[in-house]
Protein backbone atom coordinates (compact mmCIF):
# COMPACT_ATOMS: atom_id res chain seq x y z
CA UNK A 1 -2.55 61.08 2.46
CA UNK A 2 -1.13 63.61 4.70
CA UNK A 3 -3.37 66.35 4.73
CA UNK A 4 -3.43 70.27 4.20
CA UNK A 5 -3.67 70.85 7.87
CA UNK A 6 -0.22 69.40 8.69
CA UNK A 7 1.26 72.62 6.52
CA UNK A 8 -0.18 75.02 9.01
CA UNK A 9 2.49 76.85 11.43
CA UNK A 10 2.13 78.08 14.50
CA UNK A 11 3.98 80.98 13.55
CA UNK A 12 1.76 82.07 10.43
CA UNK A 13 -1.81 80.77 11.74
CA UNK A 14 -3.74 82.74 9.26
CA UNK A 15 -7.02 84.63 10.52
CA UNK A 16 -9.24 82.17 9.26
CA UNK A 17 -7.67 78.76 9.28
CA UNK A 18 -9.26 75.85 9.96
CA UNK A 19 -10.33 74.85 13.30
CA UNK A 20 -11.34 71.53 14.52
CA UNK A 21 -13.52 71.30 17.52
CA UNK A 22 -15.44 68.76 19.46
CA UNK A 23 -17.78 69.36 22.12
CA UNK A 24 -19.59 66.97 24.60
CA UNK A 25 -22.63 65.45 24.95
CA UNK A 26 -23.86 67.84 27.91
CA UNK A 27 -22.91 71.01 25.68
CA UNK A 28 -20.35 71.90 28.83
CA UNK A 29 -16.79 71.46 27.00
CA UNK A 30 -16.12 72.32 23.55
CA UNK A 31 -12.26 70.93 22.46
CA UNK A 32 -10.70 73.09 19.77
CA UNK A 33 -8.19 72.27 18.06
CA UNK A 34 -5.74 74.88 15.22
CA UNK A 35 -4.64 70.80 13.28
CA UNK A 36 -4.58 67.69 13.47
CA UNK A 37 -0.80 67.54 12.25
CA UNK A 38 1.88 67.11 13.75
CA UNK A 39 5.27 66.01 12.91
CA UNK A 40 8.50 64.80 13.89
CA UNK A 41 11.33 65.40 13.43
CA UNK A 42 13.36 62.87 14.68
CA UNK A 43 14.98 65.57 16.85
CA UNK A 44 11.89 66.97 18.63
CA UNK A 45 7.71 67.21 18.15
CA UNK A 46 5.44 70.07 17.22
CA UNK A 47 3.86 71.06 20.69
CA UNK A 48 -0.12 70.82 20.60
CA UNK A 49 -1.45 73.59 21.35
CA UNK A 50 -5.74 73.84 22.06
CA UNK A 51 -8.47 75.86 23.92
CA UNK A 52 -11.33 74.14 26.11
CA UNK A 53 -14.13 76.30 25.67
CA UNK A 54 -16.34 75.43 28.97
CA UNK A 55 -19.76 76.25 30.52
CA UNK A 56 -18.87 77.62 34.85
CA UNK A 57 -23.07 76.75 35.42
CA UNK A 58 -22.75 72.34 34.06
CA UNK A 59 -19.74 71.81 35.83
CA UNK A 60 -21.49 71.55 39.86
CA UNK A 61 -18.31 70.93 42.23
CA UNK A 62 -16.16 68.76 38.92
CA UNK A 63 -12.59 70.35 37.27
CA UNK A 64 -11.84 70.27 34.36
CA UNK A 65 -8.83 68.61 33.41
CA UNK A 66 -7.57 68.31 29.60
CA UNK A 67 -5.07 64.59 28.62
CA UNK A 68 -3.11 63.96 25.68
CA UNK A 69 -2.44 59.80 25.21
CA UNK A 70 -0.49 58.32 22.78
CA UNK A 71 -2.04 54.18 23.25
CA UNK A 72 -2.01 50.83 20.95
CA UNK A 73 -4.81 49.40 20.36
CA UNK A 74 -5.17 45.85 19.07
CA UNK A 75 -8.77 45.09 19.97
CA UNK A 76 -12.48 45.87 18.59
CA UNK A 77 -14.35 48.12 21.66
CA UNK A 78 -16.91 45.29 21.67
CA UNK A 79 -14.06 43.92 24.16
CA UNK A 80 -14.51 46.27 26.38
CA UNK A 81 -18.05 45.02 27.25
CA UNK A 82 -17.09 41.98 28.71
CA UNK A 83 -14.25 42.93 30.87
CA UNK A 84 -11.09 42.91 27.99
CA UNK A 85 -8.59 45.72 27.53
CA UNK A 86 -8.47 46.25 23.92
CA UNK A 87 -5.96 49.14 24.23
CA UNK A 88 -2.87 49.64 26.30
CA UNK A 89 -2.38 53.12 26.63
CA UNK A 90 2.53 53.56 26.48
CA UNK A 91 1.84 57.50 26.96
CA UNK A 92 -0.34 59.38 29.19
CA UNK A 93 -0.37 63.15 30.31
CA UNK A 94 -3.29 64.89 32.34
CA UNK A 95 -3.40 69.10 32.69
CA UNK A 96 -6.50 70.45 35.02
CA UNK A 97 -7.43 74.08 33.37
CA UNK A 98 -9.97 75.12 35.67
CA UNK A 99 -10.16 76.11 38.41
CA UNK A 100 -6.71 76.95 36.52
CA UNK A 101 -3.20 75.84 38.08
CA UNK A 102 -1.14 76.90 35.63
CA UNK A 103 -1.34 78.87 32.86
CA UNK A 104 1.03 77.84 29.08
CA UNK A 105 2.83 80.94 27.56
CA UNK A 106 0.63 82.00 24.57
CA UNK A 107 0.92 81.17 20.68
CA UNK A 108 -0.41 82.48 17.71
CA UNK A 109 -2.01 79.63 17.32
CA UNK A 110 -3.65 80.38 21.25
CA UNK A 111 -4.44 83.36 20.04
CA UNK A 112 -6.42 82.97 17.83
CA UNK A 113 -8.97 79.69 19.18
CA UNK A 114 -9.24 81.95 21.96
CA UNK A 115 -11.10 84.75 19.73
CA UNK A 116 -12.46 81.98 17.87
CA UNK A 117 -14.07 80.09 21.36
CA UNK A 118 -14.95 83.74 23.09
CA UNK A 119 -15.17 83.89 26.84
CA UNK A 120 -14.79 81.19 29.86
CA UNK A 121 -12.71 79.32 26.97
CA UNK A 122 -8.88 77.94 28.27
CA UNK A 123 -5.22 77.27 26.84
CA UNK A 124 -3.48 74.06 26.98
CA UNK A 125 -0.19 72.83 25.49
CA UNK A 126 1.36 69.91 25.31
CA UNK A 127 4.81 68.70 24.73
CA UNK A 128 4.93 65.12 23.15
CA UNK A 129 8.04 62.84 23.81
CA UNK A 130 10.04 63.02 20.42
CA UNK A 131 10.41 58.23 21.17
CA UNK A 132 7.18 58.39 21.30
CA UNK A 133 5.75 56.21 18.07
CA UNK A 134 4.17 57.51 14.62
CA UNK A 135 0.44 56.87 13.97
CA UNK A 136 -0.20 53.67 12.76
CA UNK A 137 -3.43 52.13 12.01
CA UNK A 138 -3.81 48.11 10.49
CA UNK A 139 -5.90 48.13 7.15
CA UNK A 140 -9.35 45.91 8.94
CA UNK A 141 -10.96 43.45 6.55
CA UNK A 142 -13.96 43.23 5.22
CA UNK A 143 -16.67 42.54 8.15
CA UNK A 144 -14.23 44.42 10.60
CA UNK A 145 -16.57 46.77 12.65
CA UNK A 146 -15.21 50.15 14.84
CA UNK A 147 -11.90 51.73 14.95
CA UNK A 148 -8.69 49.69 13.49
CA UNK A 149 -5.98 48.26 15.26
CA UNK A 150 -3.09 50.97 15.82
CA UNK A 151 -0.73 53.36 17.00
CA UNK A 152 -3.59 56.24 17.97
CA UNK A 153 -2.29 59.22 19.90
CA UNK A 154 -5.85 61.16 21.52
CA UNK A 155 -6.51 64.93 23.02
CA UNK A 156 -9.63 64.69 25.57
CA UNK A 157 -11.23 67.13 27.64
CA UNK A 158 -12.85 66.09 30.90
CA UNK A 159 -15.17 66.81 34.62
CA UNK A 160 -13.80 65.51 37.00
CA UNK A 161 -13.00 65.29 40.80
CA UNK A 162 -9.85 64.40 40.95
CA UNK A 163 -7.09 64.83 37.65
CA UNK A 164 -6.47 61.11 37.41
CA UNK A 165 -7.88 58.61 40.03
CA UNK A 166 -8.40 55.15 37.86
CA UNK A 167 -11.43 54.42 40.49
CA UNK A 168 -13.33 57.56 39.36
CA UNK A 169 -15.89 56.75 36.08
CA UNK A 170 -16.23 59.93 33.73
CA UNK A 171 -18.90 59.67 31.99
CA UNK A 172 -18.28 60.47 28.47
CA UNK A 173 -21.51 62.75 28.02
CA UNK A 174 -19.15 65.32 30.02
CA UNK A 175 -15.86 64.35 27.61
CA UNK A 176 -15.42 65.88 24.32
CA UNK A 177 -12.00 64.46 22.33
CA UNK A 178 -10.46 64.49 19.28
CA UNK A 179 -8.06 62.48 17.22
CA UNK A 180 -4.48 63.47 15.85
CA UNK A 181 -1.49 62.48 14.06
CA UNK A 182 2.02 62.16 15.20
CA UNK A 183 4.02 61.91 11.79
CA UNK A 184 7.39 61.90 10.00
CA UNK A 185 8.16 63.67 7.02
CA UNK A 186 11.30 61.99 4.72
CA UNK A 187 14.76 64.22 5.08
CA UNK A 188 16.37 66.86 3.11
CA UNK A 189 18.51 64.32 2.01
CA UNK A 190 18.66 61.22 0.54
CA UNK A 191 21.16 57.84 0.42
CA UNK A 192 22.92 56.56 -1.76
CA UNK A 193 20.57 53.46 -3.41
CA UNK A 194 21.50 50.07 -2.07
CA UNK A 195 22.58 47.26 -4.60
CA UNK A 196 22.60 44.00 -3.91
CA UNK A 197 23.69 40.86 -6.17
CA UNK A 198 23.75 37.37 -6.11
CA UNK A 199 25.69 34.61 -8.36
CA UNK A 200 23.91 30.72 -8.68
CA UNK A 201 24.87 27.93 -10.25
CA UNK A 202 22.90 24.78 -11.28
CA UNK A 203 22.60 20.94 -10.91
CA UNK A 204 24.43 20.38 -14.95
CA UNK A 205 25.18 24.14 -15.72
CA UNK A 206 29.09 24.26 -15.45
CA UNK A 207 28.13 28.05 -14.91
CA UNK A 208 25.92 29.98 -12.77
CA UNK A 209 23.87 33.31 -13.49
CA UNK A 210 24.52 36.40 -11.72
CA UNK A 211 21.61 38.93 -10.82
CA UNK A 212 22.59 42.37 -9.86
CA UNK A 213 19.57 44.86 -8.77
CA UNK A 214 20.38 48.28 -7.66
CA UNK A 215 18.16 51.64 -6.81
CA UNK A 216 19.20 55.08 -7.17
CA UNK A 217 18.21 56.38 -3.38
CA UNK A 218 17.38 54.42 -0.63
CA UNK A 219 14.01 56.73 -0.21
CA UNK A 220 10.85 57.13 -2.54
CA UNK A 221 8.23 59.75 -1.17
CA UNK A 222 4.21 57.46 -1.62
CA UNK A 223 3.25 56.87 -4.96
CA UNK A 224 6.30 58.35 -6.49
CA UNK A 225 7.48 55.58 -8.71
CA UNK A 226 10.89 54.04 -8.34
CA UNK A 227 12.66 52.29 -11.36
CA UNK A 228 14.84 49.19 -10.52
CA UNK A 229 18.51 48.27 -12.58
CA UNK A 230 18.47 44.83 -13.13
CA UNK A 231 21.29 43.36 -14.94
CA UNK A 232 21.79 39.66 -15.34
CA UNK A 233 24.65 37.77 -16.62
CA UNK A 234 24.08 34.49 -17.73
CA UNK A 235 26.62 31.64 -18.29
CA UNK A 236 24.84 28.90 -17.80
CA UNK A 237 23.28 26.97 -20.17
CA UNK A 238 19.56 27.70 -18.93
CA UNK A 239 17.26 30.14 -19.96
CA UNK A 240 15.61 32.59 -17.60
CA UNK A 241 12.03 32.26 -18.72
CA UNK A 242 10.84 35.30 -16.40
CA UNK A 243 11.07 36.86 -13.66
CA UNK A 244 9.36 38.35 -10.65
CA UNK A 245 9.42 41.84 -8.93
CA UNK A 246 7.47 41.99 -5.62
CA UNK A 247 7.46 44.42 -2.55
CA UNK A 248 7.18 43.49 0.98
CA UNK A 249 5.46 45.61 4.58
CA UNK A 250 7.03 43.66 7.15
CA UNK A 251 5.47 45.00 10.66
CA UNK A 252 7.30 44.33 13.66
CA UNK A 253 4.48 44.63 17.04
CA UNK A 254 7.07 45.27 19.33
CA UNK A 255 4.80 46.57 22.03
CA UNK A 256 3.27 43.24 23.97
CA UNK A 257 4.60 40.59 21.42
CA UNK A 258 7.44 39.40 19.16
CA UNK A 259 4.35 39.82 16.45
CA UNK A 260 6.16 39.63 12.74
CA UNK A 261 4.62 39.46 9.80
CA UNK A 262 5.33 40.54 6.46
CA UNK A 263 2.30 41.09 3.37
CA UNK A 264 2.69 41.55 0.03
CA UNK A 265 2.52 45.15 -1.49
CA UNK A 266 3.09 44.69 -5.39
CA UNK A 267 3.44 41.79 -7.30
CA UNK A 268 4.83 42.42 -10.96
CA UNK A 269 5.73 39.68 -13.33
CA UNK A 270 7.67 40.48 -16.75
CA UNK A 271 8.09 38.12 -19.39
CA UNK A 272 11.84 38.59 -20.27
CA UNK A 273 13.19 35.57 -21.51
CA UNK A 274 17.45 35.65 -21.24
CA UNK A 275 19.02 32.73 -23.09
CA UNK A 276 22.11 30.78 -22.21
CA UNK A 277 25.56 32.77 -22.61
CA UNK A 278 24.03 35.54 -22.75
CA UNK A 279 23.27 38.99 -21.10
CA UNK A 280 20.37 41.06 -20.02
CA UNK A 281 20.07 44.95 -18.65
CA UNK A 282 17.03 47.16 -18.21
CA UNK A 283 15.77 49.46 -15.63
CA UNK A 284 11.70 48.75 -14.66
CA UNK A 285 9.60 50.67 -12.82
CA UNK A 286 6.81 49.71 -10.01
CA UNK A 287 4.65 51.96 -7.94
CA UNK A 288 3.13 49.87 -4.49
CA UNK A 289 0.02 51.80 -4.15
CA UNK A 290 -3.01 51.21 -0.80
CA UNK A 291 -5.14 51.71 -3.73
CA UNK A 292 -3.78 47.78 -4.76
CA UNK A 293 -4.53 46.35 -1.62
CA UNK A 294 -7.28 47.19 -0.16
CA UNK A 295 -8.68 43.84 0.89
CA UNK A 296 -5.47 42.85 3.21
CA UNK A 297 -6.16 42.90 6.21
CA UNK A 298 -3.62 43.93 8.44
CA UNK A 299 -1.83 45.62 6.34
CA UNK A 300 -0.39 48.65 8.53
CA UNK A 301 -1.26 52.16 6.88
CA UNK A 302 -0.43 55.71 8.26
CA UNK A 303 -3.01 56.98 10.72
CA UNK A 304 -7.08 57.85 9.36
CA UNK A 305 -9.03 60.41 11.07
CA UNK A 306 -12.46 59.29 10.62
CA UNK A 307 -12.80 57.99 7.21
CA UNK A 308 -10.15 59.97 5.15
CA UNK A 309 -7.79 58.87 2.26
CA UNK A 310 -4.85 57.33 3.38
CA UNK A 311 -1.64 55.59 2.06
CA UNK A 312 0.57 52.95 3.41
CA UNK A 313 2.26 53.45 6.31
CA UNK A 314 5.56 55.20 6.21
CA UNK A 315 9.00 52.96 7.30
CA UNK A 316 9.45 53.68 11.04
CA UNK A 317 12.57 55.69 11.16
CA UNK A 318 14.41 55.52 14.26
CA UNK A 319 16.10 58.60 16.02
CA UNK A 320 18.97 58.29 18.01
CA UNK A 321 18.64 56.14 21.48
CA UNK A 322 15.15 55.20 20.41
CA UNK A 323 13.87 52.79 22.09
CA UNK A 324 11.89 49.62 19.83
CA UNK A 325 9.40 48.54 22.88
CA UNK A 326 8.63 52.08 22.96
CA UNK A 327 7.46 52.27 19.61
CA UNK A 328 5.24 49.77 19.21
CA UNK A 329 4.65 49.06 15.53
CA UNK A 330 7.82 49.04 13.53
CA UNK A 331 7.38 49.17 9.12
CA UNK A 332 9.78 48.27 6.91
CA UNK A 333 9.89 47.85 3.35
CA UNK A 334 11.99 45.51 1.11
CA UNK A 335 11.81 44.86 -3.07
CA UNK A 336 12.84 41.29 -3.92
CA UNK A 337 13.86 40.65 -7.99
CA UNK A 338 13.31 37.11 -8.77
CA UNK A 339 14.63 34.95 -11.70
CA UNK A 340 12.60 32.11 -12.74
CA UNK A 341 15.49 29.74 -14.99
CA UNK A 342 13.89 26.79 -16.85
CA UNK A 343 14.80 23.56 -16.56
CA UNK A 344 16.92 22.00 -19.93
CA UNK A 345 17.81 18.49 -21.09
CA UNK A 346 16.06 15.02 -20.20
CA UNK A 347 16.17 15.74 -16.02
CA UNK A 348 13.52 18.89 -17.00
CA UNK A 349 11.88 20.70 -14.26
CA UNK A 350 13.84 19.02 -11.53
CA UNK A 351 16.92 21.12 -12.35
CA UNK A 352 14.69 24.65 -12.73
CA UNK A 353 15.27 27.01 -9.97
CA UNK A 354 14.65 30.14 -8.61
CA UNK A 355 17.86 32.98 -8.50
CA UNK A 356 16.36 36.28 -6.10
CA UNK A 357 17.59 39.03 -4.64
CA UNK A 358 16.59 41.55 -1.54
CA UNK A 359 17.23 45.04 -1.38
CA UNK A 360 15.39 47.62 1.31
CA UNK A 361 13.54 50.73 0.56
CA UNK A 362 12.42 53.59 2.36
CA UNK A 363 8.88 55.39 1.98
CA UNK A 364 7.65 58.19 3.11
CA UNK A 365 5.87 61.90 2.35
CA UNK A 366 8.57 64.79 1.20
CA UNK A 367 7.75 68.10 3.78
CA UNK A 368 5.66 69.97 2.65
CA UNK A 369 6.51 73.67 1.93
CA UNK A 370 6.46 76.32 4.17
């Protein structure tokens, strides 16, 4: 679920807008952000604007840095204890904020956060590259513990002698971090609905069964009912006993392997019959939701912050020139309509068969009103 924090604009941030902050265990650093959802419009991404409040008496001879990292997490943190890497950085950027080396152009967001933080607060700005993936988490199983696998973004402020020395160990007590999300909203205009059809012949029947399925548009919002128009022309001597509608989510993990898998997120069965030499036309409505898929391990979800509610992962929309390998995880959906056709005569079940068509569909969030 996209929270109301995503609606705050840095141009008109209210004076008393909610502030997210995290303090290091040593008490010397406090990270402030005005929001945690940053929108990718496919032509640009909102800047991450924040402030770090520091206590100079706790710094010693160390400097203060802040970093933004986009990483792919593919294992539990417990792996780190035995020397195995459980995450891979896709993109990372560091800024030194004390002693001050560069000061960003102040925005209304900065000014609000500086006012809330008080003295010894230092602003920073990160520009998120538009070719990075959106935040996605893979649903853990009932017995899984720790952070979920997937793509996440993290802002971290820390004490160190150098900006990014791999040999220098950063103490956890000397750092503060907040997860953020990179999200996409549905475009203002949706495309024409997809349509698919098939004509299938059967053993012991001179004529075929025609099946056609179509959608009104190519994109639907999470939780929005999806009407599917189904047309059947049964010219055969077989009876269509019933039909099924399934919605499959395909997750393509392209960052570290060619791992691609499909999981059903909706299964619906309809006891509608179509007799031989007859026609059928009806619109059936389905609504795929996460609430009916809570136990499915590995299902792709929109990125989560803490334990708040989320939803099925939004469809990955690739911008012009996007490199799939950088995007980490690609998510797509398809709707499959299957007719169960009964066998007849002496051969019975030997001549039974299925007739199926598939249509793609996109699931995304609507853009909030300004």
